[in-house]
Amino acid sequence: MALPKKGSRRIVVDGVEYRRRVGRKHLCCDFEGGTLRYVAEEAARPGTTLVVETGRRVFLDPAPVPDQLVLPGEVAAGIRAARSRGWTPAAQGSPFELDLSAG
């Protein structure tokens, strides 16, 4: 499933344009202290979505601003790591999950 354009941000990694999004529905849990996830996909040819688990705990009070939770450099590093582990963003298929949590 493609990311909605509304609320997503553009990022260019190694000359390829991607869209990324962080939001409450991308938290792994619906309760206080869940961990943060973000998603990305290639902008020109959306195919397999990348889902990255950061392992960082998120506290929802006060409500965080999603773009302040994950910086562009972290997203770029996640995209590079996923590409090196076999993510092919233009291919169709189930979301590619990448766990970058420590330990």
C-alpha atoms as a PDB file:
ATOM      1  CA  MET A   1       0.000   0.000   0.000  1.00  0.00           C
ATOM      2  CA  ALA A   2       1.378   3.399  -0.984  1.00  0.00           C
ATOM      3  CA  LEU A   3       1.931   6.173   1.515  1.00  0.00           C
ATOM      4  CA  PRO A   4      -0.580   8.990   1.392  1.00  0.00           C
ATOM      5  CA  LYS A   5       1.035  12.113  -0.034  1.00  0.00           C
ATOM      6  CA  LYS A   6      -0.572  14.305   2.582  1.00  0.00           C
ATOM      7  CA  GLY A   7       1.635  14.329   5.652  1.00  0.00           C
ATOM      8  CA  SER A   8       4.634  12.668   4.022  1.00  0.00           C
ATOM      9  CA  ARG A   9       7.953  14.383   3.447  1.00  0.00           C
ATOM     10  CA  ARG A  10      10.382  14.185   0.556  1.00  0.00           C
ATOM     11  CA  ILE A  11      13.929  12.943   1.069  1.00  0.00           C
ATOM     12  CA  VAL A  12      16.648  12.273  -1.507  1.00  0.00           C
ATOM     13  CA  VAL A  13      19.087   9.469  -0.727  1.00  0.00           C
ATOM     14  CA  ASP A  14      21.939   8.717  -3.119  1.00  0.00           C
ATOM     15  CA  GLY A  15      20.141  10.554  -5.926  1.00  0.00           C
ATOM     16  CA  VAL A  16      16.808   8.721  -5.514  1.00  0.00           C
ATOM     17  CA  GLU A  17      13.728  10.528  -4.226  1.00  0.00           C
ATOM     18  CA  TYR A  18      11.735   8.845  -1.448  1.00  0.00           C
ATOM     19  CA  ARG A  19       8.772   9.842   0.678  1.00  0.00           C
ATOM     20  CA  ARG A  20       8.777   9.231   4.415  1.00  0.00           C
ATOM     21  CA  ARG A  21       6.212   9.487   7.138  1.00  0.00           C
ATOM     22  CA  VAL A  22       6.110   9.222  10.904  1.00  0.00           C
ATOM     23  CA  GLY A  23       2.910   9.284  12.865  1.00  0.00           C
ATOM     24  CA  ARG A  24       0.937   7.777  15.699  1.00  0.00           C
ATOM     25  CA  LYS A  25      -0.212   4.853  13.591  1.00  0.00           C
ATOM     26  CA  HIS A  26       3.452   3.985  13.042  1.00  0.00           C
ATOM     27  CA  LEU A  27       4.102   3.505  16.732  1.00  0.00           C
ATOM     28  CA  CYS A  28       4.383  -0.178  17.512  1.00  0.00           C
ATOM     29  CA  CYS A  29       2.039   0.122  20.456  1.00  0.00           C
ATOM     30  CA  ASP A  30      -1.019   2.214  21.247  1.00  0.00           C
ATOM     31  CA  PHE A  31      -0.008   2.966  24.800  1.00  0.00           C
ATOM     32  CA  GLU A  32       2.310   5.351  26.577  1.00  0.00           C
ATOM     33  CA  GLY A  33       5.925   4.343  26.083  1.00  0.00           C
ATOM     34  CA  GLY A  34       5.591   2.512  22.749  1.00  0.00           C
ATOM     35  CA  THR A  35       8.499   2.426  20.344  1.00  0.00           C
ATOM     36  CA  LEU A  36       8.806   4.546  17.233  1.00  0.00           C
ATOM     37  CA  ARG A  37       8.498   3.345  13.641  1.00  0.00           C
ATOM     38  CA  TYR A  38       8.676   5.252  10.404  1.00  0.00           C
ATOM     39  CA  VAL A  39       7.864   4.259   6.840  1.00  0.00           C
ATOM     40  CA  ALA A  40       9.401   5.169   3.496  1.00  0.00           C
ATOM     41  CA  GLU A  41       8.880   4.386  -0.162  1.00  0.00           C
ATOM     42  CA  GLU A  42      10.349   5.403  -3.485  1.00  0.00           C
ATOM     43  CA  ALA A  43       8.479   8.475  -4.739  1.00  0.00           C
ATOM     44  CA  ALA A  44       8.557   7.814  -8.489  1.00  0.00           C
ATOM     45  CA  ARG A  45       7.661   4.106  -8.378  1.00  0.00           C
ATOM     46  CA  PRO A  46       5.991   3.201  -5.097  1.00  0.00           C
ATOM     47  CA  GLY A  47       6.197  -0.522  -4.585  1.00  0.00           C
ATOM     48  CA  THR A  48       7.350  -2.251  -1.436  1.00  0.00           C
ATOM     49  CA  THR A  49       7.086   0.012   1.597  1.00  0.00           C
ATOM     50  CA  LEU A  50       9.950   0.108   4.087  1.00  0.00           C
ATOM     51  CA  VAL A  51       8.971  -0.045   7.773  1.00  0.00           C
ATOM     52  CA  VAL A  52      11.802   0.828  10.155  1.00  0.00           C
ATOM     53  CA  GLU A  53      11.633   0.052  13.872  1.00  0.00           C
ATOM     54  CA  THR A  54      13.913   2.469  15.718  1.00  0.00           C
ATOM     55  CA  GLY A  55      13.566   0.902  19.157  1.00  0.00           C
ATOM     56  CA  ARG A  56      13.265   4.365  20.711  1.00  0.00           C
ATOM     57  CA  ARG A  57      10.560   4.780  23.287  1.00  0.00           C
ATOM     58  CA  VAL A  58       7.944   7.444  22.653  1.00  0.00           C
ATOM     59  CA  PHE A  59       5.937   9.176  25.309  1.00  0.00           C
ATOM     60  CA  LEU A  60       2.687  10.579  24.000  1.00  0.00           C
ATOM     61  CA  ASP A  61       2.148  13.270  26.633  1.00  0.00           C
ATOM     62  CA  PRO A  62       2.774  15.921  25.519  1.00  0.00           C
ATOM     63  CA  ALA A  63       2.052  14.781  21.973  1.00  0.00           C
ATOM     64  CA  PRO A  64       5.299  14.795  19.950  1.00  0.00           C
ATOM     65  CA  VAL A  65       5.644  16.464  16.577  1.00  0.00           C
ATOM     66  CA  PRO A  66       6.326  13.511  14.243  1.00  0.00           C
ATOM     67  CA  ASP A  67       8.999  15.219  12.133  1.00  0.00           C
ATOM     68  CA  GLN A  68      10.985  16.011  15.265  1.00  0.00           C
ATOM     69  CA  LEU A  69      11.052  12.356  16.259  1.00  0.00           C
ATOM     70  CA  VAL A  70      13.057  11.117  13.276  1.00  0.00           C
ATOM     71  CA  LEU A  71      15.590  13.356  11.563  1.00  0.00           C
ATOM     72  CA  PRO A  72      16.309  13.127   7.820  1.00  0.00           C
ATOM     73  CA  GLY A  73      19.818  11.752   8.425  1.00  0.00           C
ATOM     74  CA  GLU A  74      18.370   8.861  10.392  1.00  0.00           C
ATOM     75  CA  VAL A  75      15.858   8.118   7.620  1.00  0.00           C
ATOM     76  CA  ALA A  76      18.639   8.221   5.010  1.00  0.00           C
ATOM     77  CA  ALA A  77      20.707   5.781   7.086  1.00  0.00           C
ATOM     78  CA  GLY A  78      17.677   3.482   7.445  1.00  0.00           C
ATOM     79  CA  ILE A  79      17.043   3.534   3.700  1.00  0.00           C
ATOM     80  CA  ARG A  80      20.697   2.728   2.961  1.00  0.00           C
ATOM     81  CA  ALA A  81      20.684  -0.103   5.512  1.00  0.00           C
ATOM     82  CA  ALA A  82      17.494  -1.553   4.024  1.00  0.00           C
ATOM     83  CA  ARG A  83      18.878  -1.353   0.486  1.00  0.00           C
ATOM     84  CA  SER A  84      22.033  -3.177   1.597  1.00  0.00           C
ATOM     85  CA  ARG A  85      19.864  -5.883   3.214  1.00  0.00           C
ATOM     86  CA  GLY A  86      17.812  -6.536   0.106  1.00  0.00           C
ATOM     87  CA  TRP A  87      14.970  -3.993   0.041  1.00  0.00           C
ATOM     88  CA  THR A  88      13.957  -3.324  -3.564  1.00  0.00           C
ATOM     89  CA  PRO A  89      11.578  -0.365  -3.339  1.00  0.00           C
ATOM     90  CA  ALA A  90      10.207  -0.628  -6.896  1.00  0.00           C
ATOM     91  CA  ALA A  91       9.209  -4.288  -6.494  1.00  0.00           C
ATOM     92  CA  GLN A  92       5.688  -5.206  -5.439  1.00  0.00           C
ATOM     93  CA  GLY A  93       5.159  -7.158  -2.244  1.00  0.00           C
ATOM     94  CA  SER A  94       4.706  -7.086   1.488  1.00  0.00           C
ATOM     95  CA  PRO A  95       6.327  -4.294   3.492  1.00  0.00           C
ATOM     96  CA  PHE A  96      10.049  -4.746   4.123  1.00  0.00           C
ATOM     97  CA  GLU A  97      10.640  -4.560   7.869  1.00  0.00           C
ATOM     98  CA  LEU A  98      13.961  -3.376   9.247  1.00  0.00           C
ATOM     99  CA  ASP A  99      14.720  -3.432  12.966  1.00  0.00           C
ATOM    100  CA  LEU A 100      17.390  -0.897  13.918  1.00  0.00           C
ATOM    101  CA  SER A 101      16.759  -1.115  17.661  1.00  0.00           C
ATOM    102  CA  ALA A 102      19.878  -1.682  19.734  1.00  0.00           C
ATOM    103  CA  GLY A 103      20.185  -5.174  21.167  1.00  0.00           C
END
